[in-house]
Each structure stands twice: as structure tokens, then as C-alpha cells.
Amino acid sequence: MIDFSKLDKTIHEKARLGIMTLLASRTNAWPFQDLKLELEMSDGNLITHLRTLEQAGYISGEKLTGDGRPQTLYILTKEGRKAFEDYLAILEQILNLGK
């Protein structure tokens, strides 16, 4: 039987699941503006969810400054990738049960 309590509530929220999915989709970091455009979120909403994921240790952000406009790049941490894979494994169990 599936233990639904193992679904990670930090990831399970729609916006955070979107962020985690995008960050897991490639090995390079995502700029804040690209995440914002892809997820169609406001700055404030995206920042709130990014902070939650950072506090959980699932993502890390690096602020870059230079000649142009400063930007922050986000990437999954090793812990975040493991948590995301565990989350997907439980979803897969749920999907298989429903077939």
C-alpha cells in the first residue's frame, strides 16, 4: 500500500513542483527571469516559493553582478534532486495503482 504521508509537502505545492521540475530538467542553472516567464508567476510569488525551497535545502541561488543587470541563478542541490526523485517515485506508485 502506498504511504501518502511520504509525499513531500514542500514539493507538492503546485508552484514549487513547477520550480523543481524545471530545475531538474537541465543541469545548468535557471535565471530568475526565465523561471518567472516559464511559470507565469509574479516576482513576489516566485521569490516566496524559491525561499521555501532554499530553506529546505532543495535549491540554491547565486546572485551574479557584472556589467549588466544583476541576476540570480537557481539550481537543484544534491539533496533537492534526491527529494524530487523520491517524490516522483511515490507519484509513480500512485499512477500505477490507478491503472
PDB file of N, CA and C in Angstrom:
ATOM      1  N   MET A   1       0.837  -1.188   0.000  1.00  0.00           N
ATOM      2  CA  MET A   1       0.000   0.000   0.000  1.00  0.00           C
ATOM      3  C   MET A   1       0.881   1.251   0.000  1.00  0.00           C
ATOM      4  N   ILE A   2       0.384   2.245  -0.651  1.00  0.00           N
ATOM      5  CA  ILE A   2       1.143   3.497  -0.768  1.00  0.00           C
ATOM      6  C   ILE A   2       0.994   4.312   0.510  1.00  0.00           C
ATOM      7  N   ASP A   3       2.107   4.819   0.981  1.00  0.00           N
ATOM      8  CA  ASP A   3       2.092   5.685   2.154  1.00  0.00           C
ATOM      9  C   ASP A   3       2.043   7.141   1.667  1.00  0.00           C
ATOM     10  N   PHE A   4       0.842   7.682   1.583  1.00  0.00           N
ATOM     11  CA  PHE A   4       0.667   9.043   1.055  1.00  0.00           C
ATOM     12  C   PHE A   4       1.340  10.099   1.935  1.00  0.00           C
ATOM     13  N   SER A   5       1.586   9.766   3.179  1.00  0.00           N
ATOM     14  CA  SER A   5       2.243  10.730   4.066  1.00  0.00           C
ATOM     15  C   SER A   5       3.693  10.976   3.648  1.00  0.00           C
ATOM     16  N   LYS A   6       4.221  10.119   2.768  1.00  0.00           N
ATOM     17  CA  LYS A   6       5.597  10.307   2.306  1.00  0.00           C
ATOM     18  C   LYS A   6       5.701  11.333   1.176  1.00  0.00           C
ATOM     19  N   LEU A   7       4.557  11.796   0.661  1.00  0.00           N
ATOM     20  CA  LEU A   7       4.618  12.869  -0.339  1.00  0.00           C
ATOM     21  C   LEU A   7       5.171  14.120   0.332  1.00  0.00           C
ATOM     22  N   ASP A   8       6.251  14.636  -0.194  1.00  0.00           N
ATOM     23  CA  ASP A   8       6.936  15.795   0.377  1.00  0.00           C
ATOM     24  C   ASP A   8       6.068  17.042   0.192  1.00  0.00           C
ATOM     25  N   LYS A   9       5.551  17.580   1.289  1.00  0.00           N
ATOM     26  CA  LYS A   9       4.660  18.740   1.218  1.00  0.00           C
ATOM     27  C   LYS A   9       5.378  19.989   0.728  1.00  0.00           C
ATOM     28  N   THR A  10       6.682  20.035   0.919  1.00  0.00           N
ATOM     29  CA  THR A  10       7.440  21.190   0.429  1.00  0.00           C
ATOM     30  C   THR A  10       7.415  21.227  -1.095  1.00  0.00           C
ATOM     31  N   ILE A  11       7.484  20.077  -1.725  1.00  0.00           N
ATOM     32  CA  ILE A  11       7.483  19.998  -3.187  1.00  0.00           C
ATOM     33  C   ILE A  11       6.063  19.984  -3.725  1.00  0.00           C
ATOM     34  N   HIS A  12       5.133  19.418  -2.992  1.00  0.00           N
ATOM     35  CA  HIS A  12       3.793  19.115  -3.503  1.00  0.00           C
ATOM     36  C   HIS A  12       2.990  20.344  -3.934  1.00  0.00           C
ATOM     37  N   GLU A  13       3.254  21.493  -3.392  1.00  0.00           N
ATOM     38  CA  GLU A  13       2.527  22.701  -3.779  1.00  0.00           C
ATOM     39  C   GLU A  13       2.795  22.979  -5.263  1.00  0.00           C
ATOM     40  N   LYS A  14       1.771  23.362  -6.023  1.00  0.00           N
ATOM     41  CA  LYS A  14       1.858  23.487  -7.481  1.00  0.00           C
ATOM     42  C   LYS A  14       3.039  24.334  -7.964  1.00  0.00           C
ATOM     43  N   ALA A  15       3.222  25.494  -7.401  1.00  0.00           N
ATOM     44  CA  ALA A  15       4.296  26.378  -7.864  1.00  0.00           C
ATOM     45  C   ALA A  15       5.670  25.768  -7.576  1.00  0.00           C
ATOM     46  N   ARG A  16       5.818  25.185  -6.384  1.00  0.00           N
ATOM     47  CA  ARG A  16       7.119  24.591  -6.052  1.00  0.00           C
ATOM     48  C   ARG A  16       7.384  23.339  -6.879  1.00  0.00           C
ATOM     49  N   LEU A  17       6.342  22.590  -7.205  1.00  0.00           N
ATOM     50  CA  LEU A  17       6.518  21.436  -8.083  1.00  0.00           C
ATOM     51  C   LEU A  17       6.979  21.918  -9.458  1.00  0.00           C
ATOM     52  N   GLY A  18       6.425  23.011  -9.937  1.00  0.00           N
ATOM     53  CA  GLY A  18       6.851  23.569 -11.222  1.00  0.00           C
ATOM     54  C   GLY A  18       8.308  23.996 -11.184  1.00  0.00           C
ATOM     55  N   ILE A  19       8.693  24.661 -10.112  1.00  0.00           N
ATOM     56  CA  ILE A  19      10.088  25.104  -9.981  1.00  0.00           C
ATOM     57  C   ILE A  19      11.019  23.900  -9.953  1.00  0.00           C
ATOM     58  N   MET A  20      10.689  22.924  -9.127  1.00  0.00           N
ATOM     59  CA  MET A  20      11.545  21.736  -9.009  1.00  0.00           C
ATOM     60  C   MET A  20      11.636  20.999 -10.348  1.00  0.00           C
ATOM     61  N   THR A  21      10.519  20.907 -11.068  1.00  0.00           N
ATOM     62  CA  THR A  21      10.517  20.210 -12.349  1.00  0.00           C
ATOM     63  C   THR A  21      11.416  20.930 -13.352  1.00  0.00           C
ATOM     64  N   LEU A  22      11.298  22.246 -13.426  1.00  0.00           N
ATOM     65  CA  LEU A  22      12.149  22.989 -14.360  1.00  0.00           C
ATOM     66  C   LEU A  22      13.621  22.862 -13.991  1.00  0.00           C
ATOM     67  N   LEU A  23      13.919  22.990 -12.712  1.00  0.00           N
ATOM     68  CA  LEU A  23      15.324  22.906 -12.298  1.00  0.00           C
ATOM     69  C   LEU A  23      15.889  21.505 -12.528  1.00  0.00           C
ATOM     70  N   ALA A  24      15.043  20.485 -12.409  1.00  0.00           N
ATOM     71  CA  ALA A  24      15.503  19.107 -12.632  1.00  0.00           C
ATOM     72  C   ALA A  24      15.658  18.787 -14.113  1.00  0.00           C
ATOM     73  N   SER A  25      15.061  19.628 -14.966  1.00  0.00           N
ATOM     74  CA  SER A  25      15.049  19.318 -16.396  1.00  0.00           C
ATOM     75  C   SER A  25      16.378  19.594 -17.083  1.00  0.00           C
ATOM     76  N   ARG A  26      17.256  20.299 -16.425  1.00  0.00           N
ATOM     77  CA  ARG A  26      18.570  20.528 -17.031  1.00  0.00           C
ATOM     78  C   ARG A  26      19.621  20.717 -15.950  1.00  0.00           C
ATOM     79  N   THR A  27      20.859  20.516 -16.351  1.00  0.00           N
ATOM     80  CA  THR A  27      21.944  20.587 -15.371  1.00  0.00           C
ATOM     81  C   THR A  27      22.429  22.017 -15.139  1.00  0.00           C
ATOM     82  N   ASN A  28      22.141  22.903 -16.088  1.00  0.00           N
ATOM     83  CA  ASN A  28      22.560  24.299 -15.915  1.00  0.00           C
ATOM     84  C   ASN A  28      21.570  25.045 -15.034  1.00  0.00           C
ATOM     85  N   ALA A  29      22.050  26.080 -14.394  1.00  0.00           N
ATOM     86  CA  ALA A  29      21.191  26.900 -13.540  1.00  0.00           C
ATOM     87  C   ALA A  29      20.191  27.689 -14.382  1.00  0.00           C
ATOM     88  N   TRP A  30      19.039  27.974 -13.763  1.00  0.00           N
ATOM     89  CA  TRP A  30      17.998  28.782 -14.419  1.00  0.00           C
ATOM     90  C   TRP A  30      18.046  30.194 -13.853  1.00  0.00           C
ATOM     91  N   PRO A  31      18.056  31.195 -14.723  1.00  0.00           N
ATOM     92  CA  PRO A  31      17.936  32.577 -14.240  1.00  0.00           C
ATOM     93  C   PRO A  31      16.528  32.823 -13.702  1.00  0.00           C
ATOM     94  N   PHE A  32      16.437  33.689 -12.705  1.00  0.00           N
ATOM     95  CA  PHE A  32      15.143  34.030 -12.103  1.00  0.00           C
ATOM     96  C   PHE A  32      14.139  34.442 -13.173  1.00  0.00           C
ATOM     97  N   GLN A  33      14.557  35.276 -14.103  1.00  0.00           N
ATOM     98  CA  GLN A  33      13.631  35.779 -15.128  1.00  0.00           C
ATOM     99  C   GLN A  33      13.098  34.658 -16.015  1.00  0.00           C
ATOM    100  N   ASP A  34      13.905  33.652 -16.316  1.00  0.00           N
ATOM    101  CA  ASP A  34      13.440  32.528 -17.128  1.00  0.00           C
ATOM    102  C   ASP A  34      12.407  31.704 -16.366  1.00  0.00           C
ATOM    103  N   LEU A  35      12.666  31.480 -15.064  1.00  0.00           N
ATOM    104  CA  LEU A  35      11.690  30.756 -14.241  1.00  0.00           C
ATOM    105  C   LEU A  35      10.375  31.529 -14.193  1.00  0.00           C
ATOM    106  N   LYS A  36      10.482  32.824 -14.017  1.00  0.00           N
ATOM    107  CA  LYS A  36       9.290  33.676 -13.935  1.00  0.00           C
ATOM    108  C   LYS A  36       8.466  33.586 -15.222  1.00  0.00           C
ATOM    109  N   LEU A  37       9.132  33.680 -16.362  1.00  0.00           N
ATOM    110  CA  LEU A  37       8.431  33.607 -17.646  1.00  0.00           C
ATOM    111  C   LEU A  37       7.820  32.227 -17.878  1.00  0.00           C
ATOM    112  N   GLU A  38       8.588  31.205 -17.597  1.00  0.00           N
ATOM    113  CA  GLU A  38       8.114  29.834 -17.844  1.00  0.00           C
ATOM    114  C   GLU A  38       6.927  29.478 -16.962  1.00  0.00           C
ATOM    115  N   LEU A  39       6.957  29.931 -15.711  1.00  0.00           N
ATOM    116  CA  LEU A  39       5.907  29.566 -14.755  1.00  0.00           C
ATOM    117  C   LEU A  39       4.783  30.603 -14.692  1.00  0.00           C
ATOM    118  N   GLU A  40       4.984  31.735 -15.377  1.00  0.00           N
ATOM    119  CA  GLU A  40       3.980  32.805 -15.399  1.00  0.00           C
ATOM    120  C   GLU A  40       3.590  33.219 -13.982  1.00  0.00           C
ATOM    121  N   MET A  41       4.594  33.530 -13.194  1.00  0.00           N
ATOM    122  CA  MET A  41       4.392  33.935 -11.802  1.00  0.00           C
ATOM    123  C   MET A  41       4.878  35.359 -11.611  1.00  0.00           C
ATOM    124  N   SER A  42       4.318  36.018 -10.598  1.00  0.00           N
ATOM    125  CA  SER A  42       4.797  37.354 -10.256  1.00  0.00           C
ATOM    126  C   SER A  42       6.135  37.228  -9.530  1.00  0.00           C
ATOM    127  N   ASP A  43       6.881  38.327  -9.481  1.00  0.00           N
ATOM    128  CA  ASP A  43       8.168  38.316  -8.778  1.00  0.00           C
ATOM    129  C   ASP A  43       7.992  37.867  -7.323  1.00  0.00           C
ATOM    130  N   GLY A  44       7.019  38.484  -6.650  1.00  0.00           N
ATOM    131  CA  GLY A  44       6.825  38.202  -5.230  1.00  0.00           C
ATOM    132  C   GLY A  44       6.428  36.759  -4.968  1.00  0.00           C
ATOM    133  N   ASN A  45       5.538  36.234  -5.780  1.00  0.00           N
ATOM    134  CA  ASN A  45       5.100  34.853  -5.603  1.00  0.00           C
ATOM    135  C   ASN A  45       6.254  33.889  -5.853  1.00  0.00           C
ATOM    136  N   LEU A  46       7.000  34.129  -6.928  1.00  0.00           N
ATOM    137  CA  LEU A  46       8.126  33.244  -7.242  1.00  0.00           C
ATOM    138  C   LEU A  46       9.183  33.308  -6.141  1.00  0.00           C
ATOM    139  N   ILE A  47       9.499  34.497  -5.677  1.00  0.00           N
ATOM    140  CA  ILE A  47      10.515  34.643  -4.623  1.00  0.00           C
ATOM    141  C   ILE A  47      10.098  33.888  -3.365  1.00  0.00           C
ATOM    142  N   THR A  48       8.824  33.985  -3.014  1.00  0.00           N
ATOM    143  CA  THR A  48       8.337  33.288  -1.812  1.00  0.00           C
ATOM    144  C   THR A  48       8.575  31.779  -1.927  1.00  0.00           C
ATOM    145  N   HIS A  49       8.228  31.219  -3.071  1.00  0.00           N
ATOM    146  CA  HIS A  49       8.402  29.771  -3.251  1.00  0.00           C
ATOM    147  C   HIS A  49       9.883  29.388  -3.364  1.00  0.00           C
ATOM    148  N   LEU A  50      10.675  30.227  -4.007  1.00  0.00           N
ATOM    149  CA  LEU A  50      12.114  29.944  -4.087  1.00  0.00           C
ATOM    150  C   LEU A  50      12.731  29.945  -2.692  1.00  0.00           C
ATOM    151  N   ARG A  51      12.326  30.889  -1.861  1.00  0.00           N
ATOM    152  CA  ARG A  51      12.858  30.933  -0.490  1.00  0.00           C
ATOM    153  C   ARG A  51      12.485  29.679   0.297  1.00  0.00           C
ATOM    154  N   THR A  52      11.258  29.219   0.123  1.00  0.00           N
ATOM    155  CA  THR A  52      10.826  27.995   0.816  1.00  0.00           C
ATOM    156  C   THR A  52      11.701  26.819   0.406  1.00  0.00           C
ATOM    157  N   LEU A  53      11.961  26.706  -0.891  1.00  0.00           N
ATOM    158  CA  LEU A  53      12.787  25.606  -1.380  1.00  0.00           C
ATOM    159  C   LEU A  53      14.245  25.762  -0.948  1.00  0.00           C
ATOM    160  N   GLU A  54      14.726  26.998  -0.881  1.00  0.00           N
ATOM    161  CA  GLU A  54      16.093  27.222  -0.406  1.00  0.00           C
ATOM    162  C   GLU A  54      16.213  26.857   1.066  1.00  0.00           C
ATOM    163  N   GLN A  55      15.220  27.246   1.864  1.00  0.00           N
ATOM    164  CA  GLN A  55      15.253  26.943   3.295  1.00  0.00           C
ATOM    165  C   GLN A  55      15.214  25.439   3.547  1.00  0.00           C
ATOM    166  N   ALA A  56      14.559  24.708   2.653  1.00  0.00           N
ATOM    167  CA  ALA A  56      14.522  23.245   2.769  1.00  0.00           C
ATOM    168  C   ALA A  56      15.832  22.613   2.300  1.00  0.00           C
ATOM    169  N   GLY A  57      16.679  23.417   1.671  1.00  0.00           N
ATOM    170  CA  GLY A  57      17.951  22.905   1.157  1.00  0.00           C
ATOM    171  C   GLY A  57      17.811  22.226  -0.200  1.00  0.00           C
ATOM    172  N   TYR A  58      16.683  22.430  -0.866  1.00  0.00           N
ATOM    173  CA  TYR A  58      16.432  21.764  -2.144  1.00  0.00           C
ATOM    174  C   TYR A  58      17.013  22.518  -3.340  1.00  0.00           C
ATOM    175  N   ILE A  59      17.173  23.816  -3.218  1.00  0.00           N
ATOM    176  CA  ILE A  59      17.740  24.599  -4.317  1.00  0.00           C
ATOM    177  C   ILE A  59      18.763  25.565  -3.727  1.00  0.00           C
ATOM    178  N   SER A  60      19.603  26.083  -4.603  1.00  0.00           N
ATOM    179  CA  SER A  60      20.495  27.158  -4.174  1.00  0.00           C
ATOM    180  C   SER A  60      20.468  28.240  -5.244  1.00  0.00           C
ATOM    181  N   GLY A  61      20.644  29.454  -4.791  1.00  0.00           N
ATOM    182  CA  GLY A  61      20.654  30.591  -5.694  1.00  0.00           C
ATOM    183  C   GLY A  61      21.979  31.312  -5.613  1.00  0.00           C
ATOM    184  N   GLU A  62      22.433  31.801  -6.766  1.00  0.00           N
ATOM    185  CA  GLU A  62      23.673  32.552  -6.815  1.00  0.00           C
ATOM    186  C   GLU A  62      23.408  33.863  -7.526  1.00  0.00           C
ATOM    187  N   LYS A  63      23.681  34.959  -6.834  1.00  0.00           N
ATOM    188  CA  LYS A  63      23.458  36.278  -7.418  1.00  0.00           C
ATOM    189  C   LYS A  63      24.702  36.688  -8.200  1.00  0.00           C
ATOM    190  N   LEU A  64      24.497  37.055  -9.455  1.00  0.00           N
ATOM    191  CA  LEU A  64      25.595  37.480 -10.311  1.00  0.00           C
ATOM    192  C   LEU A  64      25.462  38.965 -10.592  1.00  0.00           C
ATOM    193  N   THR A  65      26.565  39.647 -10.471  1.00  0.00           N
ATOM    194  CA  THR A  65      26.594  41.062 -10.830  1.00  0.00           C
ATOM    195  C   THR A  65      27.696  41.237 -11.858  1.00  0.00           C
ATOM    196  N   GLY A  66      27.568  42.211 -12.652  1.00  0.00           N
ATOM    197  CA  GLY A  66      28.572  42.441 -13.688  1.00  0.00           C
ATOM    198  C   GLY A  66      28.261  43.719 -14.402  1.00  0.00           C
ATOM    199  N   ASP A  67      28.516  43.716 -15.672  1.00  0.00           N
ATOM    200  CA  ASP A  67      28.288  44.914 -16.460  1.00  0.00           C
ATOM    201  C   ASP A  67      26.799  45.228 -16.610  1.00  0.00           C
ATOM    202  N   GLY A  68      26.009  44.192 -16.760  1.00  0.00           N
ATOM    203  CA  GLY A  68      24.581  44.393 -16.995  1.00  0.00           C
ATOM    204  C   GLY A  68      23.780  44.359 -15.711  1.00  0.00           C
ATOM    205  N   ARG A  69      22.540  44.030 -15.874  1.00  0.00           N
ATOM    206  CA  ARG A  69      21.606  43.945 -14.759  1.00  0.00           C
ATOM    207  C   ARG A  69      21.927  42.717 -13.899  1.00  0.00           C
ATOM    208  N   PRO A  70      21.964  42.858 -12.568  1.00  0.00           N
ATOM    209  CA  PRO A  70      22.234  41.693 -11.719  1.00  0.00           C
ATOM    210  C   PRO A  70      21.154  40.632 -11.915  1.00  0.00           C
ATOM    211  N   GLN A  71      21.547  39.388 -11.843  1.00  0.00           N
ATOM    212  CA  GLN A  71      20.576  38.310 -11.951  1.00  0.00           C
ATOM    213  C   GLN A  71      20.932  37.205 -10.964  1.00  0.00           C
ATOM    214  N   THR A  72      19.921  36.441 -10.590  1.00  0.00           N
ATOM    215  CA  THR A  72      20.125  35.320  -9.687  1.00  0.00           C
ATOM    216  C   THR A  72      19.828  34.043 -10.452  1.00  0.00           C
ATOM    217  N   LEU A  73      20.764  33.094 -10.334  1.00  0.00           N
ATOM    218  CA  LEU A  73      20.624  31.800 -10.994  1.00  0.00           C
ATOM    219  C   LEU A  73      20.287  30.754  -9.940  1.00  0.00           C
ATOM    220  N   TYR A  74      19.383  29.847 -10.275  1.00  0.00           N
ATOM    221  CA  TYR A  74      18.953  28.805  -9.338  1.00  0.00           C
ATOM    222  C   TYR A  74      19.231  27.424  -9.915  1.00  0.00           C
ATOM    223  N   ILE A  75      19.599  26.518  -9.024  1.00  0.00           N
ATOM    224  CA  ILE A  75      19.885  25.141  -9.408  1.00  0.00           C
ATOM    225  C   ILE A  75      19.464  24.213  -8.279  1.00  0.00           C
ATOM    226  N   LEU A  76      19.135  22.976  -8.633  1.00  0.00           N
ATOM    227  CA  LEU A  76      18.825  21.981  -7.599  1.00  0.00           C
ATOM    228  C   LEU A  76      20.088  21.607  -6.858  1.00  0.00           C
ATOM    229  N   THR A  77      19.963  21.421  -5.576  1.00  0.00           N
ATOM    230  CA  THR A  77      21.079  20.874  -4.804  1.00  0.00           C
ATOM    231  C   THR A  77      21.023  19.348  -4.923  1.00  0.00           C
ATOM    232  N   LYS A  78      22.040  18.690  -4.456  1.00  0.00           N
ATOM    233  CA  LYS A  78      22.053  17.230  -4.451  1.00  0.00           C
ATOM    234  C   LYS A  78      20.883  16.707  -3.617  1.00  0.00           C
ATOM    235  N   GLU A  79      20.653  17.348  -2.470  1.00  0.00           N
ATOM    236  CA  GLU A  79      19.527  16.970  -1.601  1.00  0.00           C
ATOM    237  C   GLU A  79      18.188  17.214  -2.310  1.00  0.00           C
ATOM    238  N   GLY A  80      18.101  18.308  -3.051  1.00  0.00           N
ATOM    239  CA  GLY A  80      16.876  18.619  -3.773  1.00  0.00           C
ATOM    240  C   GLY A  80      16.581  17.610  -4.872  1.00  0.00           C
ATOM    241  N   ARG A  81      17.618  17.198  -5.590  1.00  0.00           N
ATOM    242  CA  ARG A  81      17.416  16.202  -6.650  1.00  0.00           C
ATOM    243  C   ARG A  81      16.941  14.882  -6.050  1.00  0.00           C
ATOM    244  N   LYS A  82      17.525  14.485  -4.918  1.00  0.00           N
ATOM    245  CA  LYS A  82      17.105  13.237  -4.252  1.00  0.00           C
ATOM    246  C   LYS A  82      15.648  13.353  -3.791  1.00  0.00           C
ATOM    247  N   ALA A  83      15.300  14.482  -3.185  1.00  0.00           N
ATOM    248  CA  ALA A  83      13.926  14.679  -2.709  1.00  0.00           C
ATOM    249  C   ALA A  83      12.948  14.651  -3.879  1.00  0.00           C
ATOM    250  N   PHE A  84      13.334  15.245  -4.999  1.00  0.00           N
ATOM    251  CA  PHE A  84      12.467  15.266  -6.179  1.00  0.00           C
ATOM    252  C   PHE A  84      12.301  13.863  -6.754  1.00  0.00           C
ATOM    253  N   GLU A  85      13.377  13.101  -6.821  1.00  0.00           N
ATOM    254  CA  GLU A  85      13.298  11.725  -7.326  1.00  0.00           C
ATOM    255  C   GLU A  85      12.431  10.867  -6.411  1.00  0.00           C
ATOM    256  N   ASP A  86      12.565  11.050  -5.105  1.00  0.00           N
ATOM    257  CA  ASP A  86      11.722  10.318  -4.150  1.00  0.00           C
ATOM    258  C   ASP A  86      10.253  10.696  -4.340  1.00  0.00           C
ATOM    259  N   TYR A  87       9.995  11.978  -4.545  1.00  0.00           N
ATOM    260  CA  TYR A  87       8.637  12.473  -4.769  1.00  0.00           C
ATOM    261  C   TYR A  87       8.043  11.824  -6.021  1.00  0.00           C
ATOM    262  N   LEU A  88       8.822  11.805  -7.112  1.00  0.00           N
ATOM    263  CA  LEU A  88       8.346  11.208  -8.359  1.00  0.00           C
ATOM    264  C   LEU A  88       8.099   9.712  -8.206  1.00  0.00           C
ATOM    265  N   ALA A  89       8.908   9.038  -7.413  1.00  0.00           N
ATOM    266  CA  ALA A  89       8.730   7.597  -7.201  1.00  0.00           C
ATOM    267  C   ALA A  89       7.380   7.321  -6.529  1.00  0.00           C
ATOM    268  N   ILE A  90       7.012   8.146  -5.583  1.00  0.00           N
ATOM    269  CA  ILE A  90       5.711   7.962  -4.924  1.00  0.00           C
ATOM    270  C   ILE A  90       4.581   8.267  -5.902  1.00  0.00           C
ATOM    271  N   LEU A  91       4.735   9.317  -6.702  1.00  0.00           N
ATOM    272  CA  LEU A  91       3.713   9.610  -7.712  1.00  0.00           C
ATOM    273  C   LEU A  91       3.563   8.457  -8.701  1.00  0.00           C
ATOM    274  N   GLU A  92       4.666   7.845  -9.056  1.00  0.00           N
ATOM    275  CA  GLU A  92       4.618   6.711  -9.971  1.00  0.00           C
ATOM    276  C   GLU A  92       3.844   5.548  -9.357  1.00  0.00           C
ATOM    277  N   GLN A  93       4.061   5.314  -8.072  1.00  0.00           N
ATOM    278  CA  GLN A  93       3.304   4.258  -7.377  1.00  0.00           C
ATOM    279  C   GLN A  93       1.808   4.566  -7.424  1.00  0.00           C
ATOM    280  N   ILE A  94       1.472   5.828  -7.212  1.00  0.00           N
ATOM    281  CA  ILE A  94       0.070   6.241  -7.236  1.00  0.00           C
ATOM    282  C   ILE A  94      -0.516   6.017  -8.632  1.00  0.00           C
ATOM    283  N   LEU A  95       0.230   6.418  -9.660  1.00  0.00           N
ATOM    284  CA  LEU A  95      -0.238   6.242 -11.034  1.00  0.00           C
ATOM    285  C   LEU A  95      -0.438   4.769 -11.372  1.00  0.00           C
ATOM    286  N   ASN A  96       0.496   3.947 -10.970  1.00  0.00           N
ATOM    287  CA  ASN A  96       0.387   2.511 -11.263  1.00  0.00           C
ATOM    288  C   ASN A  96      -0.797   1.876 -10.538  1.00  0.00           C
ATOM    289  N   LEU A  97      -1.078   2.339  -9.360  1.00  0.00           N
ATOM    290  CA  LEU A  97      -2.207   1.806  -8.601  1.00  0.00           C
ATOM    291  C   LEU A  97      -3.529   2.171  -9.273  1.00  0.00           C
ATOM    292  N   GLY A  98      -3.535   3.343  -9.912  1.00  0.00           N
ATOM    293  CA  GLY A  98      -4.759   3.813 -10.534  1.00  0.00           C
ATOM    294  C   GLY A  98      -5.016   3.250 -11.921  1.00  0.00           C
ATOM    295  N   LYS A  99      -4.073   2.466 -12.456  1.00  0.00           N
ATOM    296  CA  LYS A  99      -4.250   1.904 -13.815  1.00  0.00           C
ATOM    297  C   LYS A  99      -5.140   0.691 -13.795  1.00  0.00           C
TER     298      LYS A  99
END
